[in-house]
Amino acid sequence: MFLPLSLLSYTSILGLISIMFLIAVVIVDGAFKMEAPGSFWDPAETTFGVVSTNKLGLAFGLFMAGVSPIIYHVTCRSR
């Protein structure tokens, strides 16, 4: 049923290397880019809260599109 530990350890190392590479790319890109968005030196303007209620439905829809299949899968397996 489960994978052997030798396969899981290789997968874990691959995941750790991928995360470290992704963090390095974000740091290097943010340090060398001088204009917004994506720059550490000139960050894009952000707000805390909802600016437009027109886009709130889209945000909830995208969230539920990713979460609903997971909830369905978990509840079906628990029966």
PDB file of N, CA and C in Angstrom:
ATOM      1  N   MET A   1       0.823  -1.192   0.000  1.00  0.00           N
ATOM      2  CA  MET A   1       0.000   0.000   0.000  1.00  0.00           C
ATOM      3  C   MET A   1       0.870   1.259   0.000  1.00  0.00           C
ATOM      4  N   PHE A   2       1.901   1.282   0.829  1.00  0.00           N
ATOM      5  CA  PHE A   2       2.761   2.452   0.916  1.00  0.00           C
ATOM      6  C   PHE A   2       4.008   2.254   0.070  1.00  0.00           C
ATOM      7  N   LEU A   3       4.636   3.359  -0.287  1.00  0.00           N
ATOM      8  CA  LEU A   3       5.892   3.293  -1.037  1.00  0.00           C
ATOM      9  C   LEU A   3       7.041   2.973  -0.091  1.00  0.00           C
ATOM     10  N   PRO A   4       8.086   2.326  -0.587  1.00  0.00           N
ATOM     11  CA  PRO A   4       9.244   2.068   0.259  1.00  0.00           C
ATOM     12  C   PRO A   4       9.946   3.373   0.644  1.00  0.00           C
ATOM     13  N   LEU A   5      10.620   3.362   1.786  1.00  0.00           N
ATOM     14  CA  LEU A   5      11.274   4.561   2.293  1.00  0.00           C
ATOM     15  C   LEU A   5      12.356   5.077   1.358  1.00  0.00           C
ATOM     16  N   SER A   6      13.002   4.202   0.618  1.00  0.00           N
ATOM     17  CA  SER A   6      14.048   4.664  -0.295  1.00  0.00           C
ATOM     18  C   SER A   6      13.472   5.559  -1.387  1.00  0.00           C
ATOM     19  N   LEU A   7      12.289   5.214  -1.914  1.00  0.00           N
ATOM     20  CA  LEU A   7      11.646   6.064  -2.918  1.00  0.00           C
ATOM     21  C   LEU A   7      11.142   7.360  -2.304  1.00  0.00           C
ATOM     22  N   LEU A   8      10.619   7.289  -1.102  1.00  0.00           N
ATOM     23  CA  LEU A   8      10.110   8.489  -0.451  1.00  0.00           C
ATOM     24  C   LEU A   8      11.235   9.455  -0.111  1.00  0.00           C
ATOM     25  N   SER A   9      12.403   8.943   0.242  1.00  0.00           N
ATOM     26  CA  SER A   9      13.502   9.840   0.572  1.00  0.00           C
ATOM     27  C   SER A   9      13.993  10.589  -0.667  1.00  0.00           C
ATOM     28  N   TYR A  10      14.024   9.925  -1.831  1.00  0.00           N
ATOM     29  CA  TYR A  10      14.413  10.616  -3.060  1.00  0.00           C
ATOM     30  C   TYR A  10      13.392  11.685  -3.426  1.00  0.00           C
ATOM     31  N   THR A  11      12.129  11.380  -3.249  1.00  0.00           N
ATOM     32  CA  THR A  11      11.085  12.350  -3.534  1.00  0.00           C
ATOM     33  C   THR A  11      11.166  13.536  -2.579  1.00  0.00           C
ATOM     34  N   SER A  12      11.461  13.275  -1.327  1.00  0.00           N
ATOM     35  CA  SER A  12      11.590  14.334  -0.338  1.00  0.00           C
ATOM     36  C   SER A  12      12.762  15.254  -0.661  1.00  0.00           C
ATOM     37  N   ILE A  13      13.894  14.672  -1.025  1.00  0.00           N
ATOM     38  CA  ILE A  13      15.061  15.477  -1.397  1.00  0.00           C
ATOM     39  C   ILE A  13      14.760  16.324  -2.627  1.00  0.00           C
ATOM     40  N   LEU A  14      14.073  15.752  -3.605  1.00  0.00           N
ATOM     41  CA  LEU A  14      13.693  16.510  -4.801  1.00  0.00           C
ATOM     42  C   LEU A  14      12.782  17.680  -4.438  1.00  0.00           C
ATOM     43  N   GLY A  15      11.852  17.462  -3.525  1.00  0.00           N
ATOM     44  CA  GLY A  15      10.976  18.537  -3.079  1.00  0.00           C
ATOM     45  C   GLY A  15      11.730  19.632  -2.352  1.00  0.00           C
ATOM     46  N   LEU A  16      12.663  19.262  -1.490  1.00  0.00           N
ATOM     47  CA  LEU A  16      13.459  20.251  -0.761  1.00  0.00           C
ATOM     48  C   LEU A  16      14.331  21.078  -1.706  1.00  0.00           C
ATOM     49  N   ILE A  17      14.949  20.419  -2.672  1.00  0.00           N
ATOM     50  CA  ILE A  17      15.771  21.137  -3.649  1.00  0.00           C
ATOM     51  C   ILE A  17      14.906  22.082  -4.479  1.00  0.00           C
ATOM     52  N   SER A  18      13.715  21.643  -4.854  1.00  0.00           N
ATOM     53  CA  SER A  18      12.819  22.486  -5.636  1.00  0.00           C
ATOM     54  C   SER A  18      12.403  23.724  -4.850  1.00  0.00           C
ATOM     55  N   ILE A  19      12.068  23.566  -3.581  1.00  0.00           N
ATOM     56  CA  ILE A  19      11.669  24.707  -2.754  1.00  0.00           C
ATOM     57  C   ILE A  19      12.832  25.675  -2.571  1.00  0.00           C
ATOM     58  N   MET A  20      14.031  25.155  -2.315  1.00  0.00           N
ATOM     59  CA  MET A  20      15.187  26.038  -2.146  1.00  0.00           C
ATOM     60  C   MET A  20      15.491  26.795  -3.441  1.00  0.00           C
ATOM     61  N   PHE A  21      15.366  26.126  -4.586  1.00  0.00           N
ATOM     62  CA  PHE A  21      15.588  26.779  -5.872  1.00  0.00           C
ATOM     63  C   PHE A  21      14.541  27.858  -6.126  1.00  0.00           C
ATOM     64  N   LEU A  22      13.287  27.580  -5.789  1.00  0.00           N
ATOM     65  CA  LEU A  22      12.224  28.554  -5.970  1.00  0.00           C
ATOM     66  C   LEU A  22      12.443  29.785  -5.092  1.00  0.00           C
ATOM     67  N   ILE A  23      12.844  29.592  -3.849  1.00  0.00           N
ATOM     68  CA  ILE A  23      13.130  30.712  -2.946  1.00  0.00           C
ATOM     69  C   ILE A  23      14.310  31.528  -3.486  1.00  0.00           C
ATOM     70  N   ALA A  24      15.335  30.855  -3.978  1.00  0.00           N
ATOM     71  CA  ALA A  24      16.491  31.566  -4.532  1.00  0.00           C
ATOM     72  C   ALA A  24      16.103  32.390  -5.755  1.00  0.00           C
ATOM     73  N   VAL A  25      15.265  31.853  -6.625  1.00  0.00           N
ATOM     74  CA  VAL A  25      14.835  32.579  -7.819  1.00  0.00           C
ATOM     75  C   VAL A  25      14.030  33.815  -7.437  1.00  0.00           C
ATOM     76  N   VAL A  26      13.131  33.691  -6.457  1.00  0.00           N
ATOM     77  CA  VAL A  26      12.328  34.840  -6.027  1.00  0.00           C
ATOM     78  C   VAL A  26      13.216  35.922  -5.428  1.00  0.00           C
ATOM     79  N   ILE A  27      14.198  35.535  -4.612  1.00  0.00           N
ATOM     80  CA  ILE A  27      15.095  36.515  -4.002  1.00  0.00           C
ATOM     81  C   ILE A  27      15.962  37.207  -5.053  1.00  0.00           C
ATOM     82  N   VAL A  28      16.530  36.444  -5.960  1.00  0.00           N
ATOM     83  CA  VAL A  28      17.384  37.038  -7.004  1.00  0.00           C
ATOM     84  C   VAL A  28      16.562  37.930  -7.922  1.00  0.00           C
ATOM     85  N   ASP A  29      15.378  37.481  -8.319  1.00  0.00           N
ATOM     86  CA  ASP A  29      14.538  38.280  -9.200  1.00  0.00           C
ATOM     87  C   ASP A  29      14.092  39.570  -8.512  1.00  0.00           C
ATOM     88  N   GLY A  30      13.721  39.489  -7.256  1.00  0.00           N
ATOM     89  CA  GLY A  30      13.298  40.680  -6.529  1.00  0.00           C
ATOM     90  C   GLY A  30      14.433  41.647  -6.276  1.00  0.00           C
ATOM     91  N   ALA A  31      15.647  41.132  -6.137  1.00  0.00           N
ATOM     92  CA  ALA A  31      16.794  42.005  -5.878  1.00  0.00           C
ATOM     93  C   ALA A  31      17.263  42.726  -7.138  1.00  0.00           C
ATOM     94  N   PHE A  32      17.180  42.077  -8.287  1.00  0.00           N
ATOM     95  CA  PHE A  32      17.705  42.681  -9.510  1.00  0.00           C
ATOM     96  C   PHE A  32      16.677  43.456 -10.319  1.00  0.00           C
ATOM     97  N   LYS A  33      15.406  43.250 -10.055  1.00  0.00           N
ATOM     98  CA  LYS A  33      14.367  43.982 -10.773  1.00  0.00           C
ATOM     99  C   LYS A  33      14.144  45.318 -10.071  1.00  0.00           C
ATOM    100  N   MET A  34      14.170  46.403 -10.807  1.00  0.00           N
ATOM    101  CA  MET A  34      14.111  47.733 -10.195  1.00  0.00           C
ATOM    102  C   MET A  34      12.724  48.367 -10.204  1.00  0.00           C
ATOM    103  N   GLU A  35      11.790  47.859 -11.017  1.00  0.00           N
ATOM    104  CA  GLU A  35      10.463  48.470 -11.065  1.00  0.00           C
ATOM    105  C   GLU A  35       9.392  47.462 -10.648  1.00  0.00           C
ATOM    106  N   ALA A  36       8.254  47.981 -10.206  1.00  0.00           N
ATOM    107  CA  ALA A  36       7.141  47.148  -9.746  1.00  0.00           C
ATOM    108  C   ALA A  36       6.466  46.495 -10.949  1.00  0.00           C
ATOM    109  N   PRO A  37       5.807  45.407 -10.818  1.00  0.00           N
ATOM    110  CA  PRO A  37       5.684  44.536  -9.660  1.00  0.00           C
ATOM    111  C   PRO A  37       6.829  43.529  -9.592  1.00  0.00           C
ATOM    112  N   GLY A  38       7.074  43.042  -8.432  1.00  0.00           N
ATOM    113  CA  GLY A  38       8.085  42.017  -8.237  1.00  0.00           C
ATOM    114  C   GLY A  38       9.422  42.521  -7.773  1.00  0.00           C
ATOM    115  N   SER A  39       9.542  43.796  -7.465  1.00  0.00           N
ATOM    116  CA  SER A  39      10.810  44.362  -7.041  1.00  0.00           C
ATOM    117  C   SER A  39      10.821  44.571  -5.536  1.00  0.00           C
ATOM    118  N   PHE A  40      11.962  44.322  -4.907  1.00  0.00           N
ATOM    119  CA  PHE A  40      12.115  44.639  -3.489  1.00  0.00           C
ATOM    120  C   PHE A  40      12.302  46.144  -3.303  1.00  0.00           C
ATOM    121  N   TRP A  41      12.842  46.831  -4.305  1.00  0.00           N
ATOM    122  CA  TRP A  41      13.193  48.236  -4.191  1.00  0.00           C
ATOM    123  C   TRP A  41      12.004  49.148  -4.473  1.00  0.00           C
ATOM    124  N   ASP A  42      11.090  48.728  -5.333  1.00  0.00           N
ATOM    125  CA  ASP A  42       9.901  49.517  -5.665  1.00  0.00           C
ATOM    126  C   ASP A  42       8.687  48.586  -5.656  1.00  0.00           C
ATOM    127  N   PRO A  43       8.185  48.217  -4.473  1.00  0.00           N
ATOM    128  CA  PRO A  43       7.092  47.240  -4.413  1.00  0.00           C
ATOM    129  C   PRO A  43       5.782  47.816  -4.948  1.00  0.00           C
ATOM    130  N   ALA A  44       4.944  46.947  -5.460  1.00  0.00           N
ATOM    131  CA  ALA A  44       3.638  47.367  -5.962  1.00  0.00           C
ATOM    132  C   ALA A  44       2.742  47.735  -4.784  1.00  0.00           C
ATOM    133  N   GLU A  45       1.801  48.628  -5.028  1.00  0.00           N
ATOM    134  CA  GLU A  45       0.875  49.021  -3.977  1.00  0.00           C
ATOM    135  C   GLU A  45      -0.077  47.872  -3.674  1.00  0.00           C
ATOM    136  N   THR A  46      -0.297  47.644  -2.404  1.00  0.00           N
ATOM    137  CA  THR A  46      -1.229  46.613  -1.958  1.00  0.00           C
ATOM    138  C   THR A  46      -2.186  47.229  -0.951  1.00  0.00           C
ATOM    139  N   THR A  47      -3.302  46.564  -0.750  1.00  0.00           N
ATOM    140  CA  THR A  47      -4.276  47.028   0.225  1.00  0.00           C
ATOM    141  C   THR A  47      -4.621  45.890   1.160  1.00  0.00           C
ATOM    142  N   PHE A  48      -5.048  46.256   2.343  1.00  0.00           N
ATOM    143  CA  PHE A  48      -5.480  45.263   3.320  1.00  0.00           C
ATOM    144  C   PHE A  48      -6.997  45.264   3.316  1.00  0.00           C
ATOM    145  N   GLY A  49      -7.583  44.253   2.743  1.00  0.00           N
ATOM    146  CA  GLY A  49      -9.037  44.183   2.679  1.00  0.00           C
ATOM    147  C   GLY A  49      -9.535  44.136   1.249  1.00  0.00           C
ATOM    148  N   VAL A  50     -10.837  44.289   1.110  1.00  0.00           N
ATOM    149  CA  VAL A  50     -11.495  44.196  -0.186  1.00  0.00           C
ATOM    150  C   VAL A  50     -11.604  45.585  -0.788  1.00  0.00           C
ATOM    151  N   VAL A  51     -11.077  45.760  -1.992  1.00  0.00           N
ATOM    152  CA  VAL A  51     -11.168  47.050  -2.681  1.00  0.00           C
ATOM    153  C   VAL A  51     -12.423  47.087  -3.546  1.00  0.00           C
ATOM    154  N   SER A  52     -12.684  45.999  -4.250  1.00  0.00           N
ATOM    155  CA  SER A  52     -13.816  45.940  -5.155  1.00  0.00           C
ATOM    156  C   SER A  52     -14.608  44.666  -4.895  1.00  0.00           C
ATOM    157  N   THR A  53     -15.891  44.826  -4.638  1.00  0.00           N
ATOM    158  CA  THR A  53     -16.722  43.638  -4.417  1.00  0.00           C
ATOM    159  C   THR A  53     -17.025  42.914  -5.722  1.00  0.00           C
ATOM    160  N   ASN A  54     -16.752  43.531  -6.859  1.00  0.00           N
ATOM    161  CA  ASN A  54     -16.982  42.882  -8.151  1.00  0.00           C
ATOM    162  C   ASN A  54     -16.065  41.681  -8.342  1.00  0.00           C
ATOM    163  N   LYS A  55     -14.862  41.736  -7.812  1.00  0.00           N
ATOM    164  CA  LYS A  55     -13.898  40.659  -7.993  1.00  0.00           C
ATOM    165  C   LYS A  55     -13.914  39.652  -6.841  1.00  0.00           C
ATOM    166  N   LEU A  56     -14.743  39.893  -5.832  1.00  0.00           N
ATOM    167  CA  LEU A  56     -14.803  38.995  -4.693  1.00  0.00           C
ATOM    168  C   LEU A  56     -15.378  37.633  -5.089  1.00  0.00           C
ATOM    169  N   GLY A  57     -16.386  37.634  -5.961  1.00  0.00           N
ATOM    170  CA  GLY A  57     -16.975  36.377  -6.432  1.00  0.00           C
ATOM    171  C   GLY A  57     -15.964  35.537  -7.199  1.00  0.00           C
ATOM    172  N   LEU A  58     -15.147  36.179  -8.005  1.00  0.00           N
ATOM    173  CA  LEU A  58     -14.105  35.466  -8.747  1.00  0.00           C
ATOM    174  C   LEU A  58     -13.099  34.836  -7.789  1.00  0.00           C
ATOM    175  N   ALA A  59     -12.730  35.571  -6.748  1.00  0.00           N
ATOM    176  CA  ALA A  59     -11.769  35.049  -5.777  1.00  0.00           C
ATOM    177  C   ALA A  59     -12.343  33.830  -5.055  1.00  0.00           C
ATOM    178  N   PHE A  60     -13.598  33.912  -4.614  1.00  0.00           N
ATOM    179  CA  PHE A  60     -14.213  32.764  -3.949  1.00  0.00           C
ATOM    180  C   PHE A  60     -14.375  31.590  -4.906  1.00  0.00           C
ATOM    181  N   GLY A  61     -14.703  31.873  -6.159  1.00  0.00           N
ATOM    182  CA  GLY A  61     -14.851  30.806  -7.144  1.00  0.00           C
ATOM    183  C   GLY A  61     -13.549  30.072  -7.407  1.00  0.00           C
ATOM    184  N   LEU A  62     -12.459  30.816  -7.540  1.00  0.00           N
ATOM    185  CA  LEU A  62     -11.159  30.179  -7.750  1.00  0.00           C
ATOM    186  C   LEU A  62     -10.738  29.381  -6.523  1.00  0.00           C
ATOM    187  N   PHE A  63     -11.026  29.910  -5.343  1.00  0.00           N
ATOM    188  CA  PHE A  63     -10.698  29.192  -4.109  1.00  0.00           C
ATOM    189  C   PHE A  63     -11.481  27.883  -4.026  1.00  0.00           C
ATOM    190  N   MET A  64     -12.775  27.934  -4.283  1.00  0.00           N
ATOM    191  CA  MET A  64     -13.600  26.735  -4.176  1.00  0.00           C
ATOM    192  C   MET A  64     -13.297  25.727  -5.277  1.00  0.00           C
ATOM    193  N   ALA A  65     -12.839  26.192  -6.433  1.00  0.00           N
ATOM    194  CA  ALA A  65     -12.477  25.262  -7.498  1.00  0.00           C
ATOM    195  C   ALA A  65     -11.285  24.408  -7.080  1.00  0.00           C
ATOM    196  N   GLY A  66     -10.420  24.949  -6.240  1.00  0.00           N
ATOM    197  CA  GLY A  66      -9.282  24.172  -5.769  1.00  0.00           C
ATOM    198  C   GLY A  66      -9.587  23.371  -4.523  1.00  0.00           C
ATOM    199  N   VAL A  67     -10.516  23.853  -3.686  1.00  0.00           N
ATOM    200  CA  VAL A  67     -10.780  23.207  -2.399  1.00  0.00           C
ATOM    201  C   VAL A  67     -11.873  22.152  -2.501  1.00  0.00           C
ATOM    202  N   SER A  68     -12.892  22.387  -3.319  1.00  0.00           N
ATOM    203  CA  SER A  68     -14.033  21.463  -3.389  1.00  0.00           C
ATOM    204  C   SER A  68     -13.648  20.036  -3.776  1.00  0.00           C
ATOM    205  N   PRO A  69     -12.788  19.817  -4.776  1.00  0.00           N
ATOM    206  CA  PRO A  69     -12.415  18.428  -5.086  1.00  0.00           C
ATOM    207  C   PRO A  69     -11.690  17.738  -3.933  1.00  0.00           C
ATOM    208  N   ILE A  70     -10.918  18.498  -3.173  1.00  0.00           N
ATOM    209  CA  ILE A  70     -10.206  17.908  -2.039  1.00  0.00           C
ATOM    210  C   ILE A  70     -11.193  17.496  -0.963  1.00  0.00           C
ATOM    211  N   ILE A  71     -12.159  18.361  -0.651  1.00  0.00           N
ATOM    212  CA  ILE A  71     -13.167  18.045   0.361  1.00  0.00           C
ATOM    213  C   ILE A  71     -13.979  16.835  -0.082  1.00  0.00           C
ATOM    214  N   TYR A  72     -14.368  16.792  -1.347  1.00  0.00           N
ATOM    215  CA  TYR A  72     -15.127  15.660  -1.875  1.00  0.00           C
ATOM    216  C   TYR A  72     -14.325  14.371  -1.745  1.00  0.00           C
ATOM    217  N   HIS A  73     -13.052  14.424  -2.093  1.00  0.00           N
ATOM    218  CA  HIS A  73     -12.201  13.235  -2.038  1.00  0.00           C
ATOM    219  C   HIS A  73     -12.042  12.742  -0.594  1.00  0.00           C
ATOM    220  N   VAL A  74     -11.856  13.653   0.341  1.00  0.00           N
ATOM    221  CA  VAL A  74     -11.661  13.275   1.740  1.00  0.00           C
ATOM    222  C   VAL A  74     -12.939  12.702   2.317  1.00  0.00           C
ATOM    223  N   THR A  75     -14.083  13.287   2.026  1.00  0.00           N
ATOM    224  CA  THR A  75     -15.332  12.786   2.598  1.00  0.00           C
ATOM    225  C   THR A  75     -15.729  11.449   1.996  1.00  0.00           C
ATOM    226  N   CYS A  76     -15.408  11.203   0.740  1.00  0.00           N
ATOM    227  CA  CYS A  76     -15.733   9.911   0.135  1.00  0.00           C
ATOM    228  C   CYS A  76     -14.868   8.794   0.702  1.00  0.00           C
ATOM    229  N   ARG A  77     -13.629   9.089   1.027  1.00  0.00           N
ATOM    230  CA  ARG A  77     -12.733   8.063   1.558  1.00  0.00           C
ATOM    231  C   ARG A  77     -13.034   7.723   3.008  1.00  0.00           C
ATOM    232  N   SER A  78     -13.667   8.645   3.739  1.00  0.00           N
ATOM    233  CA  SER A  78     -13.899   8.412   5.160  1.00  0.00           C
ATOM    234  C   SER A  78     -15.089   7.486   5.382  1.00  0.00           C
ATOM    235  N   ARG A  79     -15.888   7.256   4.393  1.00  0.00           N
ATOM    236  CA  ARG A  79     -17.074   6.409   4.566  1.00  0.00           C
ATOM    237  C   ARG A  79     -16.735   4.979   4.576  1.00  0.00           C
TER     238      ARG A  79
END
